[in-house]
Amino acid sequence: TKGLADAQILRDVLVACVSALKQNGGDWSILLSPEAERQVQSWISDTRQQALQQGVEILADTSISEGFKVVSKGDGYALSFSAGAFTSFLSRYLKPETLRLVSEQA
């Protein structure tokens, strides 16, 4: 998620998320860390109202320290996009040496 620390990359990823979520319908929330929200504030200001009309809410959440989460309001599940979540997911499938390298890069 070092890439997600870049405001332009984060904005591009969020644009893709909002677009995909609008196509699938339903009630969704995209939760950003307060720092990430500050990085993309102008984009959020322009997009928040339009996305909300399509069932996608964009909010800051102080419990998120990096990356962002996509939450399905109706189904009660969340997808986390952060270095920690990615490393945790991969840890089940990687050899210890490889996991150590991935963890050092996160």
PDB file of N, CA and C in Angstrom:
ATOM      1  N   THR A   1       0.814  -1.202   0.000  1.00  0.00           N
ATOM      2  CA  THR A   1       0.000   0.000   0.000  1.00  0.00           C
ATOM      3  C   THR A   1       0.851   1.256   0.000  1.00  0.00           C
ATOM      4  N   LYS A   2       2.164   1.123  -0.234  1.00  0.00           N
ATOM      5  CA  LYS A   2       2.940   2.346  -0.390  1.00  0.00           C
ATOM      6  C   LYS A   2       2.374   3.149  -1.547  1.00  0.00           C
ATOM      7  N   GLY A   3       1.863   2.458  -2.563  1.00  0.00           N
ATOM      8  CA  GLY A   3       1.218   3.134  -3.671  1.00  0.00           C
ATOM      9  C   GLY A   3      -0.003   3.909  -3.228  1.00  0.00           C
ATOM     10  N   LEU A   4      -0.758   3.368  -2.264  1.00  0.00           N
ATOM     11  CA  LEU A   4      -1.953   4.056  -1.785  1.00  0.00           C
ATOM     12  C   LEU A   4      -1.614   5.295  -0.972  1.00  0.00           C
ATOM     13  N   ALA A   5      -0.354   5.465  -0.592  1.00  0.00           N
ATOM     14  CA  ALA A   5       0.061   6.680   0.104  1.00  0.00           C
ATOM     15  C   ALA A   5       0.156   7.847  -0.878  1.00  0.00           C
ATOM     16  N   ASP A   6       0.238   7.543  -2.172  1.00  0.00           N
ATOM     17  CA  ASP A   6       0.260   8.556  -3.216  1.00  0.00           C
ATOM     18  C   ASP A   6      -1.178   8.984  -3.513  1.00  0.00           C
ATOM     19  N   ALA A   7      -1.465  10.273  -3.379  1.00  0.00           N
ATOM     20  CA  ALA A   7      -2.839  10.773  -3.514  1.00  0.00           C
ATOM     21  C   ALA A   7      -3.445  10.454  -4.877  1.00  0.00           C
ATOM     22  N   GLN A   8      -2.653  10.556  -5.946  1.00  0.00           N
ATOM     23  CA  GLN A   8      -3.182  10.289  -7.290  1.00  0.00           C
ATOM     24  C   GLN A   8      -3.539   8.811  -7.456  1.00  0.00           C
ATOM     25  N   ILE A   9      -2.683   7.925  -6.973  1.00  0.00           N
ATOM     26  CA  ILE A   9      -2.973   6.488  -7.059  1.00  0.00           C
ATOM     27  C   ILE A   9      -4.200   6.159  -6.227  1.00  0.00           C
ATOM     28  N   LEU A  10      -4.267   6.699  -5.025  1.00  0.00           N
ATOM     29  CA  LEU A  10      -5.423   6.455  -4.164  1.00  0.00           C
ATOM     30  C   LEU A  10      -6.705   6.943  -4.839  1.00  0.00           C
ATOM     31  N   ARG A  11      -6.669   8.120  -5.422  1.00  0.00           N
ATOM     32  CA  ARG A  11      -7.840   8.654  -6.109  1.00  0.00           C
ATOM     33  C   ARG A  11      -8.259   7.736  -7.258  1.00  0.00           C
ATOM     34  N   ASP A  12      -7.287   7.272  -8.044  1.00  0.00           N
ATOM     35  CA  ASP A  12      -7.602   6.384  -9.168  1.00  0.00           C
ATOM     36  C   ASP A  12      -8.227   5.075  -8.693  1.00  0.00           C
ATOM     37  N   VAL A  13      -7.705   4.517  -7.598  1.00  0.00           N
ATOM     38  CA  VAL A  13      -8.264   3.280  -7.041  1.00  0.00           C
ATOM     39  C   VAL A  13      -9.681   3.530  -6.533  1.00  0.00           C
ATOM     40  N   LEU A  14      -9.894   4.646  -5.871  1.00  0.00           N
ATOM     41  CA  LEU A  14     -11.230   4.963  -5.359  1.00  0.00           C
ATOM     42  C   LEU A  14     -12.229   5.197  -6.493  1.00  0.00           C
ATOM     43  N   VAL A  15     -11.788   5.839  -7.564  1.00  0.00           N
ATOM     44  CA  VAL A  15     -12.660   6.031  -8.728  1.00  0.00           C
ATOM     45  C   VAL A  15     -13.101   4.675  -9.264  1.00  0.00           C
ATOM     46  N   ALA A  16     -12.156   3.739  -9.391  1.00  0.00           N
ATOM     47  CA  ALA A  16     -12.488   2.395  -9.878  1.00  0.00           C
ATOM     48  C   ALA A  16     -13.440   1.688  -8.920  1.00  0.00           C
ATOM     49  N   CYS A  17     -13.218   1.833  -7.619  1.00  0.00           N
ATOM     50  CA  CYS A  17     -14.099   1.203  -6.622  1.00  0.00           C
ATOM     51  C   CYS A  17     -15.513   1.757  -6.711  1.00  0.00           C
ATOM     52  N   VAL A  18     -15.636   3.078  -6.739  1.00  0.00           N
ATOM     53  CA  VAL A  18     -16.967   3.691  -6.808  1.00  0.00           C
ATOM     54  C   VAL A  18     -17.675   3.234  -8.073  1.00  0.00           C
ATOM     55  N   SER A  19     -16.968   3.211  -9.187  1.00  0.00           N
ATOM     56  CA  SER A  19     -17.565   2.787 -10.452  1.00  0.00           C
ATOM     57  C   SER A  19     -18.052   1.345 -10.379  1.00  0.00           C
ATOM     58  N   ALA A  20     -17.225   0.446  -9.851  1.00  0.00           N
ATOM     59  CA  ALA A  20     -17.609  -0.968  -9.738  1.00  0.00           C
ATOM     60  C   ALA A  20     -18.776  -1.149  -8.777  1.00  0.00           C
ATOM     61  N   LEU A  21     -18.756  -0.445  -7.670  1.00  0.00           N
ATOM     62  CA  LEU A  21     -19.831  -0.583  -6.686  1.00  0.00           C
ATOM     63  C   LEU A  21     -21.154  -0.059  -7.235  1.00  0.00           C
ATOM     64  N   LYS A  22     -21.107   1.023  -8.003  1.00  0.00           N
ATOM     65  CA  LYS A  22     -22.335   1.561  -8.592  1.00  0.00           C
ATOM     66  C   LYS A  22     -22.936   0.566  -9.580  1.00  0.00           C
ATOM     67  N   GLN A  23     -22.089  -0.133 -10.323  1.00  0.00           N
ATOM     68  CA  GLN A  23     -22.574  -1.120 -11.293  1.00  0.00           C
ATOM     69  C   GLN A  23     -23.256  -2.291 -10.603  1.00  0.00           C
ATOM     70  N   ASN A  24     -22.737  -2.677  -9.440  1.00  0.00           N
ATOM     71  CA  ASN A  24     -23.277  -3.831  -8.725  1.00  0.00           C
ATOM     72  C   ASN A  24     -24.505  -3.495  -7.893  1.00  0.00           C
ATOM     73  N   GLY A  25     -24.773  -2.224  -7.695  1.00  0.00           N
ATOM     74  CA  GLY A  25     -25.924  -1.824  -6.893  1.00  0.00           C
ATOM     75  C   GLY A  25     -25.699  -2.098  -5.418  1.00  0.00           C
ATOM     76  N   GLY A  26     -26.717  -1.868  -4.626  1.00  0.00           N
ATOM     77  CA  GLY A  26     -26.619  -2.099  -3.187  1.00  0.00           C
ATOM     78  C   GLY A  26     -26.172  -0.866  -2.441  1.00  0.00           C
ATOM     79  N   ASP A  27     -26.073  -1.009  -1.131  1.00  0.00           N
ATOM     80  CA  ASP A  27     -25.632   0.068  -0.242  1.00  0.00           C
ATOM     81  C   ASP A  27     -24.211  -0.212   0.214  1.00  0.00           C
ATOM     82  N   TRP A  28     -23.299   0.679  -0.097  1.00  0.00           N
ATOM     83  CA  TRP A  28     -21.884   0.491   0.205  1.00  0.00           C
ATOM     84  C   TRP A  28     -21.326   1.708   0.930  1.00  0.00           C
ATOM     85  N   SER A  29     -20.293   1.457   1.721  1.00  0.00           N
ATOM     86  CA  SER A  29     -19.502   2.537   2.310  1.00  0.00           C
ATOM     87  C   SER A  29     -18.044   2.302   1.958  1.00  0.00           C
ATOM     88  N   ILE A  30     -17.352   3.366   1.608  1.00  0.00           N
ATOM     89  CA  ILE A  30     -15.899   3.325   1.469  1.00  0.00           C
ATOM     90  C   ILE A  30     -15.365   4.123   2.643  1.00  0.00           C
ATOM     91  N   LEU A  31     -14.621   3.442   3.505  1.00  0.00           N
ATOM     92  CA  LEU A  31     -14.079   4.062   4.712  1.00  0.00           C
ATOM     93  C   LEU A  31     -12.589   4.311   4.516  1.00  0.00           C
ATOM     94  N   LEU A  32     -12.186   5.556   4.682  1.00  0.00           N
ATOM     95  CA  LEU A  32     -10.793   5.967   4.524  1.00  0.00           C
ATOM     96  C   LEU A  32     -10.216   6.378   5.865  1.00  0.00           C
ATOM     97  N   SER A  33      -8.906   6.256   5.989  1.00  0.00           N
ATOM     98  CA  SER A  33      -8.267   6.845   7.158  1.00  0.00           C
ATOM     99  C   SER A  33      -8.414   8.363   7.037  1.00  0.00           C
ATOM    100  N   PRO A  34      -8.414   9.077   8.156  1.00  0.00           N
ATOM    101  CA  PRO A  34      -8.498  10.543   8.074  1.00  0.00           C
ATOM    102  C   PRO A  34      -7.387  11.141   7.203  1.00  0.00           C
ATOM    103  N   GLU A  35      -6.192  10.556   7.260  1.00  0.00           N
ATOM    104  CA  GLU A  35      -5.079  11.039   6.440  1.00  0.00           C
ATOM    105  C   GLU A  35      -5.372  10.839   4.957  1.00  0.00           C
ATOM    106  N   ALA A  36      -5.885   9.676   4.598  1.00  0.00           N
ATOM    107  CA  ALA A  36      -6.229   9.412   3.195  1.00  0.00           C
ATOM    108  C   ALA A  36      -7.333  10.351   2.730  1.00  0.00           C
ATOM    109  N   GLU A  37      -8.290  10.612   3.595  1.00  0.00           N
ATOM    110  CA  GLU A  37      -9.363  11.535   3.223  1.00  0.00           C
ATOM    111  C   GLU A  37      -8.796  12.926   2.940  1.00  0.00           C
ATOM    112  N   ARG A  38      -7.841  13.370   3.747  1.00  0.00           N
ATOM    113  CA  ARG A  38      -7.216  14.681   3.510  1.00  0.00           C
ATOM    114  C   ARG A  38      -6.487  14.698   2.163  1.00  0.00           C
ATOM    115  N   GLN A  39      -5.838  13.575   1.818  1.00  0.00           N
ATOM    116  CA  GLN A  39      -5.077  13.508   0.568  1.00  0.00           C
ATOM    117  C   GLN A  39      -5.961  13.649  -0.665  1.00  0.00           C
ATOM    118  N   VAL A  40      -7.163  13.151  -0.585  1.00  0.00           N
ATOM    119  CA  VAL A  40      -8.050  13.167  -1.756  1.00  0.00           C
ATOM    120  C   VAL A  40      -9.283  14.042  -1.517  1.00  0.00           C
ATOM    121  N   GLN A  41      -9.157  15.017  -0.619  1.00  0.00           N
ATOM    122  CA  GLN A  41     -10.295  15.838  -0.200  1.00  0.00           C
ATOM    123  C   GLN A  41     -11.015  16.509  -1.366  1.00  0.00           C
ATOM    124  N   SER A  42     -10.277  17.101  -2.301  1.00  0.00           N
ATOM    125  CA  SER A  42     -10.953  17.803  -3.401  1.00  0.00           C
ATOM    126  C   SER A  42     -11.736  16.828  -4.266  1.00  0.00           C
ATOM    127  N   TRP A  43     -11.178  15.647  -4.523  1.00  0.00           N
ATOM    128  CA  TRP A  43     -11.905  14.646  -5.304  1.00  0.00           C
ATOM    129  C   TRP A  43     -13.143  14.185  -4.548  1.00  0.00           C
ATOM    130  N   ILE A  44     -12.999  13.953  -3.249  1.00  0.00           N
ATOM    131  CA  ILE A  44     -14.136  13.499  -2.441  1.00  0.00           C
ATOM    132  C   ILE A  44     -15.238  14.547  -2.447  1.00  0.00           C
ATOM    133  N   SER A  45     -14.874  15.808  -2.307  1.00  0.00           N
ATOM    134  CA  SER A  45     -15.880  16.872  -2.294  1.00  0.00           C
ATOM    135  C   SER A  45     -16.685  16.877  -3.585  1.00  0.00           C
ATOM    136  N   ASP A  46     -16.007  16.663  -4.706  1.00  0.00           N
ATOM    137  CA  ASP A  46     -16.684  16.654  -6.000  1.00  0.00           C
ATOM    138  C   ASP A  46     -17.495  15.382  -6.227  1.00  0.00           C
ATOM    139  N   THR A  47     -17.072  14.272  -5.653  1.00  0.00           N
ATOM    140  CA  THR A  47     -17.644  12.966  -5.960  1.00  0.00           C
ATOM    141  C   THR A  47     -18.632  12.465  -4.920  1.00  0.00           C
ATOM    142  N   ARG A  48     -18.484  12.883  -3.671  1.00  0.00           N
ATOM    143  CA  ARG A  48     -19.262  12.321  -2.565  1.00  0.00           C
ATOM    144  C   ARG A  48     -20.769  12.368  -2.823  1.00  0.00           C
ATOM    145  N   GLN A  49     -21.286  13.502  -3.232  1.00  0.00           N
ATOM    146  CA  GLN A  49     -22.729  13.630  -3.424  1.00  0.00           C
ATOM    147  C   GLN A  49     -23.214  12.747  -4.566  1.00  0.00           C
ATOM    148  N   GLN A  50     -22.478  12.735  -5.668  1.00  0.00           N
ATOM    149  CA  GLN A  50     -22.856  11.903  -6.813  1.00  0.00           C
ATOM    150  C   GLN A  50     -22.809  10.422  -6.442  1.00  0.00           C
ATOM    151  N   ALA A  51     -21.768  10.006  -5.740  1.00  0.00           N
ATOM    152  CA  ALA A  51     -21.641   8.607  -5.330  1.00  0.00           C
ATOM    153  C   ALA A  51     -22.757   8.228  -4.366  1.00  0.00           C
ATOM    154  N   LEU A  52     -23.083   9.134  -3.455  1.00  0.00           N
ATOM    155  CA  LEU A  52     -24.130   8.871  -2.472  1.00  0.00           C
ATOM    156  C   LEU A  52     -25.468   8.612  -3.165  1.00  0.00           C
ATOM    157  N   GLN A  53     -25.728   9.329  -4.224  1.00  0.00           N
ATOM    158  CA  GLN A  53     -26.962   9.116  -4.981  1.00  0.00           C
ATOM    159  C   GLN A  53     -26.990   7.734  -5.628  1.00  0.00           C
ATOM    160  N   GLN A  54     -25.824   7.146  -5.839  1.00  0.00           N
ATOM    161  CA  GLN A  54     -25.726   5.820  -6.448  1.00  0.00           C
ATOM    162  C   GLN A  54     -25.587   4.714  -5.406  1.00  0.00           C
ATOM    163  N   GLY A  55     -25.721   5.048  -4.116  1.00  0.00           N
ATOM    164  CA  GLY A  55     -25.653   4.044  -3.063  1.00  0.00           C
ATOM    165  C   GLY A  55     -24.272   3.804  -2.494  1.00  0.00           C
ATOM    166  N   VAL A  56     -23.317   4.711  -2.763  1.00  0.00           N
ATOM    167  CA  VAL A  56     -21.953   4.572  -2.246  1.00  0.00           C
ATOM    168  C   VAL A  56     -21.650   5.778  -1.363  1.00  0.00           C
ATOM    169  N   GLU A  57     -21.330   5.512  -0.108  1.00  0.00           N
ATOM    170  CA  GLU A  57     -21.024   6.564   0.864  1.00  0.00           C
ATOM    171  C   GLU A  57     -19.514   6.574   1.099  1.00  0.00           C
ATOM    172  N   ILE A  58     -18.891   7.747   1.108  1.00  0.00           N
ATOM    173  CA  ILE A  58     -17.450   7.880   1.326  1.00  0.00           C
ATOM    174  C   ILE A  58     -17.240   8.622   2.634  1.00  0.00           C
ATOM    175  N   LEU A  59     -16.579   7.955   3.592  1.00  0.00           N
ATOM    176  CA  LEU A  59     -16.428   8.510   4.937  1.00  0.00           C
ATOM    177  C   LEU A  59     -15.011   8.321   5.461  1.00  0.00           C
ATOM    178  N   ALA A  60     -14.597   9.204   6.374  1.00  0.00           N
ATOM    179  CA  ALA A  60     -13.357   9.002   7.124  1.00  0.00           C
ATOM    180  C   ALA A  60     -13.687   8.166   8.354  1.00  0.00           C
ATOM    181  N   ASP A  61     -12.755   7.306   8.743  1.00  0.00           N
ATOM    182  CA  ASP A  61     -12.941   6.441   9.912  1.00  0.00           C
ATOM    183  C   ASP A  61     -11.629   6.419  10.693  1.00  0.00           C
ATOM    184  N   THR A  62     -11.658   6.912  11.923  1.00  0.00           N
ATOM    185  CA  THR A  62     -10.434   7.002  12.725  1.00  0.00           C
ATOM    186  C   THR A  62      -9.869   5.642  13.112  1.00  0.00           C
ATOM    187  N   SER A  63     -10.638   4.569  12.961  1.00  0.00           N
ATOM    188  CA  SER A  63     -10.112   3.238  13.287  1.00  0.00           C
ATOM    189  C   SER A  63      -9.235   2.686  12.166  1.00  0.00           C
ATOM    190  N   ILE A  64      -9.197   3.365  11.023  1.00  0.00           N
ATOM    191  CA  ILE A  64      -8.377   2.928   9.890  1.00  0.00           C
ATOM    192  C   ILE A  64      -7.112   3.772   9.871  1.00  0.00           C
ATOM    193  N   SER A  65      -5.963   3.111   9.925  1.00  0.00           N
ATOM    194  CA  SER A  65      -4.707   3.854   9.953  1.00  0.00           C
ATOM    195  C   SER A  65      -4.039   3.927   8.584  1.00  0.00           C
ATOM    196  N   GLU A  66      -4.384   3.006   7.681  1.00  0.00           N
ATOM    197  CA  GLU A  66      -3.802   3.012   6.340  1.00  0.00           C
ATOM    198  C   GLU A  66      -4.788   2.380   5.364  1.00  0.00           C
ATOM    199  N   GLY A  67      -4.634   2.719   4.100  1.00  0.00           N
ATOM    200  CA  GLY A  67      -5.496   2.118   3.094  1.00  0.00           C
ATOM    201  C   GLY A  67      -6.953   2.525   3.255  1.00  0.00           C
ATOM    202  N   PHE A  68      -7.847   1.606   2.905  1.00  0.00           N
ATOM    203  CA  PHE A  68      -9.278   1.874   3.020  1.00  0.00           C
ATOM    204  C   PHE A  68     -10.034   0.563   3.104  1.00  0.00           C
ATOM    205  N   LYS A  69     -11.318   0.655   3.449  1.00  0.00           N
ATOM    206  CA  LYS A  69     -12.198  -0.508   3.507  1.00  0.00           C
ATOM    207  C   LYS A  69     -13.424  -0.232   2.659  1.00  0.00           C
ATOM    208  N   VAL A  70     -13.929  -1.293   2.042  1.00  0.00           N
ATOM    209  CA  VAL A  70     -15.206  -1.236   1.339  1.00  0.00           C
ATOM    210  C   VAL A  70     -16.159  -2.105   2.141  1.00  0.00           C
ATOM    211  N   VAL A  71     -17.256  -1.512   2.588  1.00  0.00           N
ATOM    212  CA  VAL A  71     -18.188  -2.195   3.484  1.00  0.00           C
ATOM    213  C   VAL A  71     -19.548  -2.319   2.805  1.00  0.00           C
ATOM    214  N   SER A  72     -20.086  -3.533   2.810  1.00  0.00           N
ATOM    215  CA  SER A  72     -21.446  -3.766   2.329  1.00  0.00           C
ATOM    216  C   SER A  72     -22.382  -3.567   3.505  1.00  0.00           C
ATOM    217  N   LYS A  73     -23.235  -2.558   3.422  1.00  0.00           N
ATOM    218  CA  LYS A  73     -24.120  -2.254   4.551  1.00  0.00           C
ATOM    219  C   LYS A  73     -25.140  -3.359   4.781  1.00  0.00           C
ATOM    220  N   GLY A  74     -25.700  -3.901   3.723  1.00  0.00           N
ATOM    221  CA  GLY A  74     -26.750  -4.901   3.873  1.00  0.00           C
ATOM    222  C   GLY A  74     -26.247  -6.275   4.258  1.00  0.00           C
ATOM    223  N   ASP A  75     -25.102  -6.668   3.726  1.00  0.00           N
ATOM    224  CA  ASP A  75     -24.598  -8.025   3.947  1.00  0.00           C
ATOM    225  C   ASP A  75     -23.650  -8.134   5.130  1.00  0.00           C
ATOM    226  N   GLY A  76     -23.203  -7.018   5.662  1.00  0.00           N
ATOM    227  CA  GLY A  76     -22.384  -7.017   6.862  1.00  0.00           C
ATOM    228  C   GLY A  76     -20.970  -7.532   6.696  1.00  0.00           C
ATOM    229  N   TYR A  77     -20.357  -7.364   5.524  1.00  0.00           N
ATOM    230  CA  TYR A  77     -18.963  -7.759   5.379  1.00  0.00           C
ATOM    231  C   TYR A  77     -18.149  -6.575   4.881  1.00  0.00           C
ATOM    232  N   ALA A  78     -16.826  -6.667   5.077  1.00  0.00           N
ATOM    233  CA  ALA A  78     -15.938  -5.585   4.669  1.00  0.00           C
ATOM    234  C   ALA A  78     -14.725  -6.158   3.952  1.00  0.00           C
ATOM    235  N   LEU A  79     -14.233  -5.435   2.971  1.00  0.00           N
ATOM    236  CA  LEU A  79     -13.005  -5.771   2.266  1.00  0.00           C
ATOM    237  C   LEU A  79     -11.977  -4.716   2.633  1.00  0.00           C
ATOM    238  N   SER A  80     -10.854  -5.156   3.178  1.00  0.00           N
ATOM    239  CA  SER A  80      -9.833  -4.225   3.633  1.00  0.00           C
ATOM    240  C   SER A  80      -8.701  -4.157   2.616  1.00  0.00           C
ATOM    241  N   PHE A  81      -8.327  -2.948   2.234  1.00  0.00           N
ATOM    242  CA  PHE A  81      -7.239  -2.719   1.302  1.00  0.00           C
ATOM    243  C   PHE A  81      -6.128  -1.987   2.045  1.00  0.00           C
ATOM    244  N   SER A  82      -5.254  -2.775   2.686  1.00  0.00           N
ATOM    245  CA  SER A  82      -4.127  -2.216   3.431  1.00  0.00           C
ATOM    246  C   SER A  82      -2.975  -3.209   3.378  1.00  0.00           C
ATOM    247  N   ALA A  83      -1.785  -2.740   3.689  1.00  0.00           N
ATOM    248  CA  ALA A  83      -0.619  -3.626   3.688  1.00  0.00           C
ATOM    249  C   ALA A  83      -0.794  -4.743   4.706  1.00  0.00           C
ATOM    250  N   GLY A  84      -1.309  -4.412   5.881  1.00  0.00           N
ATOM    251  CA  GLY A  84      -1.507  -5.417   6.920  1.00  0.00           C
ATOM    252  C   GLY A  84      -2.490  -6.492   6.502  1.00  0.00           C
ATOM    253  N   ALA A  85      -3.594  -6.093   5.879  1.00  0.00           N
ATOM    254  CA  ALA A  85      -4.598  -7.067   5.433  1.00  0.00           C
ATOM    255  C   ALA A  85      -4.032  -7.956   4.339  1.00  0.00           C
ATOM    256  N   PHE A  86      -3.276  -7.380   3.424  1.00  0.00           N
ATOM    257  CA  PHE A  86      -2.678  -8.147   2.339  1.00  0.00           C
ATOM    258  C   PHE A  86      -1.670  -9.158   2.882  1.00  0.00           C
ATOM    259  N   THR A  87      -0.815  -8.724   3.789  1.00  0.00           N
ATOM    260  CA  THR A  87       0.178  -9.620   4.392  1.00  0.00           C
ATOM    261  C   THR A  87      -0.500 -10.728   5.177  1.00  0.00           C
ATOM    262  N   SER A  88      -1.533 -10.392   5.920  1.00  0.00           N
ATOM    263  CA  SER A  88      -2.271 -11.395   6.695  1.00  0.00           C
ATOM    264  C   SER A  88      -2.887 -12.445   5.778  1.00  0.00           C
ATOM    265  N   PHE A  89      -3.474 -12.003   4.677  1.00  0.00           N
ATOM    266  CA  PHE A  89      -4.077 -12.931   3.722  1.00  0.00           C
ATOM    267  C   PHE A  89      -3.018 -13.862   3.135  1.00  0.00           C
ATOM    268  N   LEU A  90      -1.896 -13.293   2.705  1.00  0.00           N
ATOM    269  CA  LEU A  90      -0.849 -14.098   2.081  1.00  0.00           C
ATOM    270  C   LEU A  90      -0.151 -15.035   3.057  1.00  0.00           C
ATOM    271  N   SER A  91      -0.130 -14.693   4.328  1.00  0.00           N
ATOM    272  CA  SER A  91       0.632 -15.474   5.307  1.00  0.00           C
ATOM    273  C   SER A  91       0.204 -16.934   5.350  1.00  0.00           C
ATOM    274  N   ARG A  92      -1.030 -17.208   4.987  1.00  0.00           N
ATOM    275  CA  ARG A  92      -1.507 -18.595   4.988  1.00  0.00           C
ATOM    276  C   ARG A  92      -0.906 -19.415   3.866  1.00  0.00           C
ATOM    277  N   TYR A  93      -0.391 -18.766   2.840  1.00  0.00           N
ATOM    278  CA  TYR A  93       0.034 -19.469   1.637  1.00  0.00           C
ATOM    279  C   TYR A  93       1.537 -19.403   1.369  1.00  0.00           C
ATOM    280  N   LEU A  94       2.255 -18.591   2.111  1.00  0.00           N
ATOM    281  CA  LEU A  94       3.673 -18.385   1.836  1.00  0.00           C
ATOM    282  C   LEU A  94       4.571 -19.155   2.792  1.00  0.00           C
ATOM    283  N   LYS A  95       5.748 -19.497   2.288  1.00  0.00           N
ATOM    284  CA  LYS A  95       6.773 -20.086   3.144  1.00  0.00           C
ATOM    285  C   LYS A  95       7.253 -19.006   4.111  1.00  0.00           C
ATOM    286  N   PRO A  96       7.746 -19.402   5.282  1.00  0.00           N
ATOM    287  CA  PRO A  96       8.181 -18.412   6.280  1.00  0.00           C
ATOM    288  C   PRO A  96       9.191 -17.389   5.752  1.00  0.00           C
ATOM    289  N   GLU A  97      10.148 -17.839   4.925  1.00  0.00           N
ATOM    290  CA  GLU A  97      11.159 -16.912   4.398  1.00  0.00           C
ATOM    291  C   GLU A  97      10.518 -15.871   3.477  1.00  0.00           C
ATOM    292  N   THR A  98       9.608 -16.323   2.639  1.00  0.00           N
ATOM    293  CA  THR A  98       8.928 -15.415   1.718  1.00  0.00           C
ATOM    294  C   THR A  98       8.034 -14.447   2.484  1.00  0.00           C
ATOM    295  N   LEU A  99       7.342 -14.951   3.481  1.00  0.00           N
ATOM    296  CA  LEU A  99       6.479 -14.102   4.301  1.00  0.00           C
ATOM    297  C   LEU A  99       7.289 -13.012   4.996  1.00  0.00           C
ATOM    298  N   ARG A 100       8.463 -13.364   5.474  1.00  0.00           N
ATOM    299  CA  ARG A 100       9.326 -12.381   6.126  1.00  0.00           C
ATOM    300  C   ARG A 100       9.681 -11.256   5.146  1.00  0.00           C
ATOM    301  N   LEU A 101      10.008 -11.600   3.903  1.00  0.00           N
ATOM    302  CA  LEU A 101      10.339 -10.588   2.897  1.00  0.00           C
ATOM    303  C   LEU A 101       9.143  -9.691   2.583  1.00  0.00           C
ATOM    304  N   VAL A 102       7.973 -10.295   2.452  1.00  0.00           N
ATOM    305  CA  VAL A 102       6.761  -9.519   2.179  1.00  0.00           C
ATOM    306  C   VAL A 102       6.473  -8.577   3.341  1.00  0.00           C
ATOM    307  N   SER A 103       6.612  -9.069   4.562  1.00  0.00           N
ATOM    308  CA  SER A 103       6.339  -8.254   5.747  1.00  0.00           C
ATOM    309  C   SER A 103       7.299  -7.076   5.845  1.00  0.00           C
ATOM    310  N   GLU A 104       8.550  -7.288   5.468  1.00  0.00           N
ATOM    311  CA  GLU A 104       9.533  -6.206   5.509  1.00  0.00           C
ATOM    312  C   GLU A 104       9.211  -5.116   4.495  1.00  0.00           C
ATOM    313  N   GLN A 105       8.611  -5.485   3.370  1.00  0.00           N
ATOM    314  CA  GLN A 105       8.284  -4.517   2.322  1.00  0.00           C
ATOM    315  C   GLN A 105       6.998  -3.763   2.605  1.00  0.00           C
ATOM    316  N   ALA A 106       6.134  -4.315   3.464  1.00  0.00           N
ATOM    317  CA  ALA A 106       4.827  -3.689   3.731  1.00  0.00           C
ATOM    318  C   ALA A 106       4.958  -2.445   4.562  1.00  0.00           C
TER     319      ALA A 106
END
